[in-house]
Amino acid sequence: QAFYGCSSLTSITFNGTMALWNAIVKGNYWNSNT
């Protein structure tokens, strides 16, 4: 639930590649209700 409820979230800037982003382990509901 790292970003849970962040309904105004429009972007996440990640200083790495798309492959690195996809390799990140994401917890359950990390982006729920965004």
PDB file of all heavy atoms in Angstrom:
ATOM      1  N   GLN A   1       0.797  -1.222   0.000  1.00  0.00           N
ATOM      2  CA  GLN A   1       0.000   0.000   0.000  1.00  0.00           C
ATOM      3  C   GLN A   1       0.836   1.281   0.000  1.00  0.00           C
ATOM      4  O   GLN A   1       0.407   2.318   0.527  1.00  0.00           O
ATOM      5  CB  GLN A   1      -0.982   0.010   1.170  1.00  0.00           C
ATOM      6  CG  GLN A   1      -2.050  -1.041   1.075  1.00  0.00           C
ATOM      7  CD  GLN A   1      -3.104  -0.925   2.164  1.00  0.00           C
ATOM      8  OE1 GLN A   1      -2.906  -0.299   3.206  1.00  0.00           O
ATOM      9  NE2 GLN A   1      -4.245  -1.548   1.922  1.00  0.00           N
ATOM     10  N   ALA A   2       1.993   1.264  -0.610  1.00  0.00           N
ATOM     11  CA  ALA A   2       2.894   2.417  -0.590  1.00  0.00           C
ATOM     12  C   ALA A   2       2.249   3.696  -1.131  1.00  0.00           C
ATOM     13  O   ALA A   2       2.472   4.773  -0.589  1.00  0.00           O
ATOM     14  CB  ALA A   2       4.160   2.109  -1.382  1.00  0.00           C
ATOM     15  N   PHE A   3       1.454   3.587  -2.182  1.00  0.00           N
ATOM     16  CA  PHE A   3       0.795   4.761  -2.760  1.00  0.00           C
ATOM     17  C   PHE A   3      -0.720   4.684  -2.600  1.00  0.00           C
ATOM     18  O   PHE A   3      -1.455   5.381  -3.281  1.00  0.00           O
ATOM     19  CB  PHE A   3       1.144   4.884  -4.244  1.00  0.00           C
ATOM     20  CG  PHE A   3       2.598   5.188  -4.493  1.00  0.00           C
ATOM     21  CD1 PHE A   3       3.450   4.195  -4.960  1.00  0.00           C
ATOM     22  CD2 PHE A   3       3.118   6.437  -4.255  1.00  0.00           C
ATOM     23  CE1 PHE A   3       4.787   4.461  -5.189  1.00  0.00           C
ATOM     24  CE2 PHE A   3       4.455   6.720  -4.474  1.00  0.00           C
ATOM     25  CZ  PHE A   3       5.299   5.722  -4.943  1.00  0.00           C
ATOM     26  N   TYR A   4      -1.188   3.855  -1.687  1.00  0.00           N
ATOM     27  CA  TYR A   4      -2.616   3.645  -1.472  1.00  0.00           C
ATOM     28  C   TYR A   4      -3.326   4.971  -1.216  1.00  0.00           C
ATOM     29  O   TYR A   4      -2.903   5.764  -0.382  1.00  0.00           O
ATOM     30  CB  TYR A   4      -2.843   2.714  -0.287  1.00  0.00           C
ATOM     31  CG  TYR A   4      -4.303   2.429  -0.018  1.00  0.00           C
ATOM     32  CD1 TYR A   4      -4.956   1.410  -0.692  1.00  0.00           C
ATOM     33  CD2 TYR A   4      -5.019   3.196   0.876  1.00  0.00           C
ATOM     34  CE1 TYR A   4      -6.297   1.142  -0.458  1.00  0.00           C
ATOM     35  CE2 TYR A   4      -6.355   2.943   1.113  1.00  0.00           C
ATOM     36  CZ  TYR A   4      -6.991   1.918   0.436  1.00  0.00           C
ATOM     37  OH  TYR A   4      -8.316   1.678   0.653  1.00  0.00           O
ATOM     38  N   GLY A   5      -4.391   5.203  -1.963  1.00  0.00           N
ATOM     39  CA  GLY A   5      -5.210   6.383  -1.755  1.00  0.00           C
ATOM     40  C   GLY A   5      -4.663   7.667  -2.339  1.00  0.00           C
ATOM     41  O   GLY A   5      -5.215   8.730  -2.102  1.00  0.00           O
ATOM     42  N   CYS A   6      -3.594   7.600  -3.103  1.00  0.00           N
ATOM     43  CA  CYS A   6      -3.026   8.803  -3.721  1.00  0.00           C
ATOM     44  C   CYS A   6      -3.783   9.090  -5.015  1.00  0.00           C
ATOM     45  O   CYS A   6      -3.261   8.921  -6.124  1.00  0.00           O
ATOM     46  CB  CYS A   6      -1.535   8.612  -3.993  1.00  0.00           C
ATOM     47  SG  CYS A   6      -0.543   8.462  -2.510  1.00  0.00           S
ATOM     48  N   SER A   7      -5.019   9.536  -4.873  1.00  0.00           N
ATOM     49  CA  SER A   7      -5.881   9.723  -6.040  1.00  0.00           C
ATOM     50  C   SER A   7      -5.413  10.840  -6.961  1.00  0.00           C
ATOM     51  O   SER A   7      -5.786  10.879  -8.131  1.00  0.00           O
ATOM     52  CB  SER A   7      -7.320   9.984  -5.604  1.00  0.00           C
ATOM     53  OG  SER A   7      -7.381  11.132  -4.790  1.00  0.00           O
ATOM     54  N   SER A   8      -4.578  11.743  -6.470  1.00  0.00           N
ATOM     55  CA  SER A   8      -4.082  12.835  -7.316  1.00  0.00           C
ATOM     56  C   SER A   8      -2.732  12.507  -7.961  1.00  0.00           C
ATOM     57  O   SER A   8      -2.155  13.353  -8.642  1.00  0.00           O
ATOM     58  CB  SER A   8      -3.979  14.124  -6.505  1.00  0.00           C
ATOM     59  OG  SER A   8      -3.055  13.973  -5.452  1.00  0.00           O
ATOM     60  N   LEU A   9      -2.249  11.285  -7.768  1.00  0.00           N
ATOM     61  CA  LEU A   9      -0.976  10.877  -8.349  1.00  0.00           C
ATOM     62  C   LEU A   9      -1.061  10.893  -9.872  1.00  0.00           C
ATOM     63  O   LEU A   9      -1.940  10.270 -10.458  1.00  0.00           O
ATOM     64  CB  LEU A   9      -0.620   9.469  -7.866  1.00  0.00           C
ATOM     65  CG  LEU A   9       0.730   8.895  -8.290  1.00  0.00           C
ATOM     66  CD1 LEU A   9       1.863   9.698  -7.674  1.00  0.00           C
ATOM     67  CD2 LEU A   9       0.830   7.438  -7.870  1.00  0.00           C
ATOM     68  N   THR A  10      -0.181  11.652 -10.526  1.00  0.00           N
ATOM     69  CA  THR A  10      -0.185  11.718 -11.992  1.00  0.00           C
ATOM     70  C   THR A  10       1.080  11.146 -12.605  1.00  0.00           C
ATOM     71  O   THR A  10       1.074  10.742 -13.759  1.00  0.00           O
ATOM     72  CB  THR A  10      -0.365  13.163 -12.494  1.00  0.00           C
ATOM     73  OG1 THR A  10       0.690  13.977 -11.984  1.00  0.00           O
ATOM     74  CG2 THR A  10      -1.717  13.724 -12.059  1.00  0.00           C
ATOM     75  N   SER A  11       2.186  11.136 -11.852  1.00  0.00           N
ATOM     76  CA  SER A  11       3.412  10.560 -12.399  1.00  0.00           C
ATOM     77  C   SER A  11       4.344  10.105 -11.285  1.00  0.00           C
ATOM     78  O   SER A  11       4.307  10.611 -10.167  1.00  0.00           O
ATOM     79  CB  SER A  11       4.137  11.552 -13.311  1.00  0.00           C
ATOM     80  OG  SER A  11       4.662  12.622 -12.573  1.00  0.00           O
ATOM     81  N   ILE A  12       5.148   9.114 -11.641  1.00  0.00           N
ATOM     82  CA  ILE A  12       6.229   8.627 -10.796  1.00  0.00           C
ATOM     83  C   ILE A  12       7.484   8.723 -11.643  1.00  0.00           C
ATOM     84  O   ILE A  12       7.529   8.159 -12.736  1.00  0.00           O
ATOM     85  CB  ILE A  12       5.999   7.162 -10.364  1.00  0.00           C
ATOM     86  CG1 ILE A  12       4.724   7.033  -9.523  1.00  0.00           C
ATOM     87  CG2 ILE A  12       7.215   6.618  -9.611  1.00  0.00           C
ATOM     88  CD1 ILE A  12       4.300   5.597  -9.253  1.00  0.00           C
ATOM     89  N   THR A  13       8.455   9.466 -11.183  1.00  0.00           N
ATOM     90  CA  THR A  13       9.710   9.581 -11.921  1.00  0.00           C
ATOM     91  C   THR A  13      10.693   8.573 -11.348  1.00  0.00           C
ATOM     92  O   THR A  13      11.014   8.602 -10.157  1.00  0.00           O
ATOM     93  CB  THR A  13      10.282  11.004 -11.812  1.00  0.00           C
ATOM     94  OG1 THR A  13       9.310  11.922 -12.329  1.00  0.00           O
ATOM     95  CG2 THR A  13      11.574  11.134 -12.599  1.00  0.00           C
ATOM     96  N   PHE A  14      11.141   7.660 -12.205  1.00  0.00           N
ATOM     97  CA  PHE A  14      12.072   6.606 -11.811  1.00  0.00           C
ATOM     98  C   PHE A  14      13.362   6.802 -12.586  1.00  0.00           C
ATOM     99  O   PHE A  14      13.363   6.796 -13.816  1.00  0.00           O
ATOM    100  CB  PHE A  14      11.458   5.235 -12.116  1.00  0.00           C
ATOM    101  CG  PHE A  14      12.353   4.079 -11.794  1.00  0.00           C
ATOM    102  CD1 PHE A  14      12.758   3.839 -10.497  1.00  0.00           C
ATOM    103  CD2 PHE A  14      12.796   3.236 -12.797  1.00  0.00           C
ATOM    104  CE1 PHE A  14      13.599   2.767 -10.195  1.00  0.00           C
ATOM    105  CE2 PHE A  14      13.626   2.171 -12.517  1.00  0.00           C
ATOM    106  CZ  PHE A  14      14.024   1.933 -11.208  1.00  0.00           C
ATOM    107  N   ASN A  15      14.464   6.983 -11.898  1.00  0.00           N
ATOM    108  CA  ASN A  15      15.754   7.241 -12.536  1.00  0.00           C
ATOM    109  C   ASN A  15      16.451   5.957 -12.957  1.00  0.00           C
ATOM    110  O   ASN A  15      17.620   5.726 -12.638  1.00  0.00           O
ATOM    111  CB  ASN A  15      16.651   8.073 -11.619  1.00  0.00           C
ATOM    112  CG  ASN A  15      16.113   9.459 -11.403  1.00  0.00           C
ATOM    113  OD1 ASN A  15      15.594  10.066 -12.331  1.00  0.00           O
ATOM    114  ND2 ASN A  15      16.190   9.957 -10.188  1.00  0.00           N
ATOM    115  N   GLY A  16      15.726   5.134 -13.664  1.00  0.00           N
ATOM    116  CA  GLY A  16      16.231   3.878 -14.195  1.00  0.00           C
ATOM    117  C   GLY A  16      15.430   3.505 -15.423  1.00  0.00           C
ATOM    118  O   GLY A  16      14.502   4.206 -15.822  1.00  0.00           O
ATOM    119  N   THR A  17      15.769   2.397 -16.011  1.00  0.00           N
ATOM    120  CA  THR A  17      15.103   1.950 -17.233  1.00  0.00           C
ATOM    121  C   THR A  17      13.761   1.279 -16.943  1.00  0.00           C
ATOM    122  O   THR A  17      13.463   0.930 -15.802  1.00  0.00           O
ATOM    123  CB  THR A  17      15.985   0.936 -17.978  1.00  0.00           C
ATOM    124  OG1 THR A  17      16.137  -0.224 -17.140  1.00  0.00           O
ATOM    125  CG2 THR A  17      17.349   1.514 -18.333  1.00  0.00           C
ATOM    126  N   MET A  18      12.984   1.080 -17.992  1.00  0.00           N
ATOM    127  CA  MET A  18      11.714   0.378 -17.854  1.00  0.00           C
ATOM    128  C   MET A  18      11.950  -1.052 -17.377  1.00  0.00           C
ATOM    129  O   MET A  18      11.179  -1.571 -16.564  1.00  0.00           O
ATOM    130  CB  MET A  18      10.948   0.393 -19.182  1.00  0.00           C
ATOM    131  CG  MET A  18      10.437   1.780 -19.546  1.00  0.00           C
ATOM    132  SD  MET A  18       9.351   1.811 -20.993  1.00  0.00           S
ATOM    133  CE  MET A  18      10.522   1.558 -22.312  1.00  0.00           C
ATOM    134  N   ALA A  19      13.018  -1.691 -17.838  1.00  0.00           N
ATOM    135  CA  ALA A  19      13.327  -3.056 -17.395  1.00  0.00           C
ATOM    136  C   ALA A  19      13.609  -3.083 -15.893  1.00  0.00           C
ATOM    137  O   ALA A  19      13.158  -3.993 -15.185  1.00  0.00           O
ATOM    138  CB  ALA A  19      14.508  -3.613 -18.182  1.00  0.00           C
ATOM    139  N   LEU A  20      14.344  -2.087 -15.394  1.00  0.00           N
ATOM    140  CA  LEU A  20      14.613  -2.021 -13.956  1.00  0.00           C
ATOM    141  C   LEU A  20      13.318  -1.792 -13.182  1.00  0.00           C
ATOM    142  O   LEU A  20      13.111  -2.384 -12.116  1.00  0.00           O
ATOM    143  CB  LEU A  20      15.614  -0.910 -13.634  1.00  0.00           C
ATOM    144  CG  LEU A  20      17.074  -1.191 -13.974  1.00  0.00           C
ATOM    145  CD1 LEU A  20      17.923   0.059 -13.752  1.00  0.00           C
ATOM    146  CD2 LEU A  20      17.607  -2.350 -13.155  1.00  0.00           C
ATOM    147  N   TRP A  21      12.437  -0.938 -13.691  1.00  0.00           N
ATOM    148  CA  TRP A  21      11.143  -0.714 -13.030  1.00  0.00           C
ATOM    149  C   TRP A  21      10.369  -2.015 -12.942  1.00  0.00           C
ATOM    150  O   TRP A  21       9.826  -2.354 -11.902  1.00  0.00           O
ATOM    151  CB  TRP A  21      10.325   0.345 -13.762  1.00  0.00           C
ATOM    152  CG  TRP A  21       8.957   0.467 -13.166  1.00  0.00           C
ATOM    153  CD1 TRP A  21       7.809  -0.126 -13.603  1.00  0.00           C
ATOM    154  CD2 TRP A  21       8.607   1.155 -11.965  1.00  0.00           C
ATOM    155  NE1 TRP A  21       6.767   0.164 -12.769  1.00  0.00           N
ATOM    156  CE2 TRP A  21       7.226   0.945 -11.746  1.00  0.00           C
ATOM    157  CE3 TRP A  21       9.316   1.938 -11.060  1.00  0.00           C
ATOM    158  CZ2 TRP A  21       6.551   1.497 -10.660  1.00  0.00           C
ATOM    159  CZ3 TRP A  21       8.641   2.480  -9.987  1.00  0.00           C
ATOM    160  CH2 TRP A  21       7.279   2.251  -9.793  1.00  0.00           C
ATOM    161  N   ASN A  22      10.307  -2.739 -14.038  1.00  0.00           N
ATOM    162  CA  ASN A  22       9.545  -3.988 -14.062  1.00  0.00           C
ATOM    163  C   ASN A  22      10.142  -5.057 -13.154  1.00  0.00           C
ATOM    164  O   ASN A  22       9.430  -5.970 -12.728  1.00  0.00           O
ATOM    165  CB  ASN A  22       9.400  -4.492 -15.497  1.00  0.00           C
ATOM    166  CG  ASN A  22       8.477  -3.604 -16.306  1.00  0.00           C
ATOM    167  OD1 ASN A  22       7.511  -3.052 -15.797  1.00  0.00           O
ATOM    168  ND2 ASN A  22       8.771  -3.450 -17.581  1.00  0.00           N
ATOM    169  N   ALA A  23      11.426  -4.933 -12.838  1.00  0.00           N
ATOM    170  CA  ALA A  23      12.089  -5.903 -11.964  1.00  0.00           C
ATOM    171  C   ALA A  23      11.859  -5.607 -10.481  1.00  0.00           C
ATOM    172  O   ALA A  23      12.137  -6.465  -9.627  1.00  0.00           O
ATOM    173  CB  ALA A  23      13.584  -5.937 -12.263  1.00  0.00           C
ATOM    174  N   ILE A  24      11.338  -4.423 -10.152  1.00  0.00           N
ATOM    175  CA  ILE A  24      11.094  -4.065  -8.760  1.00  0.00           C
ATOM    176  C   ILE A  24       9.986  -4.951  -8.195  1.00  0.00           C
ATOM    177  O   ILE A  24       8.943  -5.134  -8.820  1.00  0.00           O
ATOM    178  CB  ILE A  24      10.691  -2.579  -8.632  1.00  0.00           C
ATOM    179  CG1 ILE A  24      11.871  -1.682  -9.013  1.00  0.00           C
ATOM    180  CG2 ILE A  24      10.205  -2.259  -7.217  1.00  0.00           C
ATOM    181  CD1 ILE A  24      11.507  -0.202  -9.086  1.00  0.00           C
ATOM    182  N   VAL A  25      10.227  -5.497  -7.014  1.00  0.00           N
ATOM    183  CA  VAL A  25       9.210  -6.289  -6.326  1.00  0.00           C
ATOM    184  C   VAL A  25       8.201  -5.309  -5.726  1.00  0.00           C
ATOM    185  O   VAL A  25       8.580  -4.397  -4.984  1.00  0.00           O
ATOM    186  CB  VAL A  25       9.840  -7.153  -5.211  1.00  0.00           C
ATOM    187  CG1 VAL A  25       8.767  -7.876  -4.421  1.00  0.00           C
ATOM    188  CG2 VAL A  25      10.843  -8.123  -5.799  1.00  0.00           C
ATOM    189  N   LYS A  26       6.945  -5.494  -6.077  1.00  0.00           N
ATOM    190  CA  LYS A  26       5.907  -4.579  -5.614  1.00  0.00           C
ATOM    191  C   LYS A  26       4.949  -5.322  -4.686  1.00  0.00           C
ATOM    192  O   LYS A  26       4.411  -6.358  -5.053  1.00  0.00           O
ATOM    193  CB  LYS A  26       5.173  -3.977  -6.800  1.00  0.00           C
ATOM    194  CG  LYS A  26       6.116  -3.139  -7.678  1.00  0.00           C
ATOM    195  CD  LYS A  26       5.507  -2.786  -9.012  1.00  0.00           C
ATOM    196  CE  LYS A  26       6.511  -2.088  -9.901  1.00  0.00           C
ATOM    197  NZ  LYS A  26       7.415  -3.017 -10.588  1.00  0.00           N
ATOM    198  N   GLY A  27       4.752  -4.762  -3.490  1.00  0.00           N
ATOM    199  CA  GLY A  27       3.861  -5.367  -2.505  1.00  0.00           C
ATOM    200  C   GLY A  27       2.406  -5.301  -2.947  1.00  0.00           C
ATOM    201  O   GLY A  27       2.037  -4.509  -3.821  1.00  0.00           O
ATOM    202  N   ASN A  28       1.594  -6.135  -2.329  1.00  0.00           N
ATOM    203  CA  ASN A  28       0.166  -6.135  -2.634  1.00  0.00           C
ATOM    204  C   ASN A  28      -0.414  -4.740  -2.462  1.00  0.00           C
ATOM    205  O   ASN A  28      -0.072  -4.031  -1.519  1.00  0.00           O
ATOM    206  CB  ASN A  28      -0.584  -7.088  -1.713  1.00  0.00           C
ATOM    207  CG  ASN A  28      -0.262  -8.529  -2.016  1.00  0.00           C
ATOM    208  OD1 ASN A  28       0.118  -8.879  -3.123  1.00  0.00           O
ATOM    209  ND2 ASN A  28      -0.419  -9.377  -1.020  1.00  0.00           N
ATOM    210  N   TYR A  29      -1.282  -4.377  -3.384  1.00  0.00           N
ATOM    211  CA  TYR A  29      -2.021  -3.112  -3.326  1.00  0.00           C
ATOM    212  C   TYR A  29      -1.112  -1.889  -3.299  1.00  0.00           C
ATOM    213  O   TYR A  29      -1.524  -0.828  -2.838  1.00  0.00           O
ATOM    214  CB  TYR A  29      -2.982  -3.103  -2.123  1.00  0.00           C
ATOM    215  CG  TYR A  29      -3.827  -4.336  -2.023  1.00  0.00           C
ATOM    216  CD1 TYR A  29      -3.611  -5.269  -1.009  1.00  0.00           C
ATOM    217  CD2 TYR A  29      -4.819  -4.599  -2.962  1.00  0.00           C
ATOM    218  CE1 TYR A  29      -4.378  -6.416  -0.930  1.00  0.00           C
ATOM    219  CE2 TYR A  29      -5.585  -5.747  -2.885  1.00  0.00           C
ATOM    220  CZ  TYR A  29      -5.363  -6.649  -1.878  1.00  0.00           C
ATOM    221  OH  TYR A  29      -6.116  -7.791  -1.801  1.00  0.00           O
ATOM    222  N   TRP A  30       0.098  -2.009  -3.799  1.00  0.00           N
ATOM    223  CA  TRP A  30       1.036  -0.889  -3.753  1.00  0.00           C
ATOM    224  C   TRP A  30       0.467   0.348  -4.440  1.00  0.00           C
ATOM    225  O   TRP A  30       0.795   1.467  -4.076  1.00  0.00           O
ATOM    226  CB  TRP A  30       2.395  -1.272  -4.339  1.00  0.00           C
ATOM    227  CG  TRP A  30       2.402  -1.365  -5.846  1.00  0.00           C
ATOM    228  CD1 TRP A  30       2.077  -2.462  -6.591  1.00  0.00           C
ATOM    229  CD2 TRP A  30       2.734  -0.341  -6.767  1.00  0.00           C
ATOM    230  NE1 TRP A  30       2.173  -2.185  -7.924  1.00  0.00           N
ATOM    231  CE2 TRP A  30       2.584  -0.874  -8.067  1.00  0.00           C
ATOM    232  CE3 TRP A  30       3.138   0.977  -6.646  1.00  0.00           C
ATOM    233  CZ2 TRP A  30       2.830  -0.147  -9.220  1.00  0.00           C
ATOM    234  CZ3 TRP A  30       3.386   1.704  -7.797  1.00  0.00           C
ATOM    235  CH2 TRP A  30       3.234   1.145  -9.062  1.00  0.00           C
ATOM    236  N   ASN A  31      -0.414   0.149  -5.431  1.00  0.00           N
ATOM    237  CA  ASN A  31      -0.977   1.296  -6.145  1.00  0.00           C
ATOM    238  C   ASN A  31      -2.501   1.295  -6.132  1.00  0.00           C
ATOM    239  O   ASN A  31      -3.135   1.818  -7.038  1.00  0.00           O
ATOM    240  CB  ASN A  31      -0.449   1.344  -7.570  1.00  0.00           C
ATOM    241  CG  ASN A  31      -0.901   0.162  -8.420  1.00  0.00           C
ATOM    242  OD1 ASN A  31      -1.425  -0.826  -7.916  1.00  0.00           O
ATOM    243  ND2 ASN A  31      -0.682   0.257  -9.719  1.00  0.00           N
ATOM    244  N   SER A  32      -3.109   0.749  -5.104  1.00  0.00           N
ATOM    245  CA  SER A  32      -4.572   0.717  -4.997  1.00  0.00           C
ATOM    246  C   SER A  32      -5.136   2.107  -4.741  1.00  0.00           C
ATOM    247  O   SER A  32      -4.547   2.911  -4.015  1.00  0.00           O
ATOM    248  CB  SER A  32      -5.005  -0.191  -3.856  1.00  0.00           C
ATOM    249  OG  SER A  32      -4.767  -1.532  -4.190  1.00  0.00           O
ATOM    250  N   ASN A  33      -6.282   2.355  -5.318  1.00  0.00           N
ATOM    251  CA  ASN A  33      -6.991   3.623  -5.138  1.00  0.00           C
ATOM    252  C   ASN A  33      -6.143   4.830  -5.504  1.00  0.00           C
ATOM    253  O   ASN A  33      -6.152   5.841  -4.816  1.00  0.00           O
ATOM    254  CB  ASN A  33      -7.515   3.756  -3.706  1.00  0.00           C
ATOM    255  CG  ASN A  33      -8.563   2.725  -3.391  1.00  0.00           C
ATOM    256  OD1 ASN A  33      -9.304   2.294  -4.262  1.00  0.00           O
ATOM    257  ND2 ASN A  33      -8.633   2.315  -2.140  1.00  0.00           N
ATOM    258  N   THR A  34      -5.402   4.692  -6.593  1.00  0.00           N
ATOM    259  CA  THR A  34      -4.614   5.815  -7.103  1.00  0.00           C
ATOM    260  C   THR A  34      -5.274   6.341  -8.369  1.00  0.00           C
ATOM    261  O   THR A  34      -6.091   5.664  -8.994  1.00  0.00           O
ATOM    262  CB  THR A  34      -3.172   5.395  -7.447  1.00  0.00           C
ATOM    263  OG1 THR A  34      -3.208   4.335  -8.407  1.00  0.00           O
ATOM    264  CG2 THR A  34      -2.410   4.958  -6.219  1.00  0.00           C
TER     265      THR A  34
END
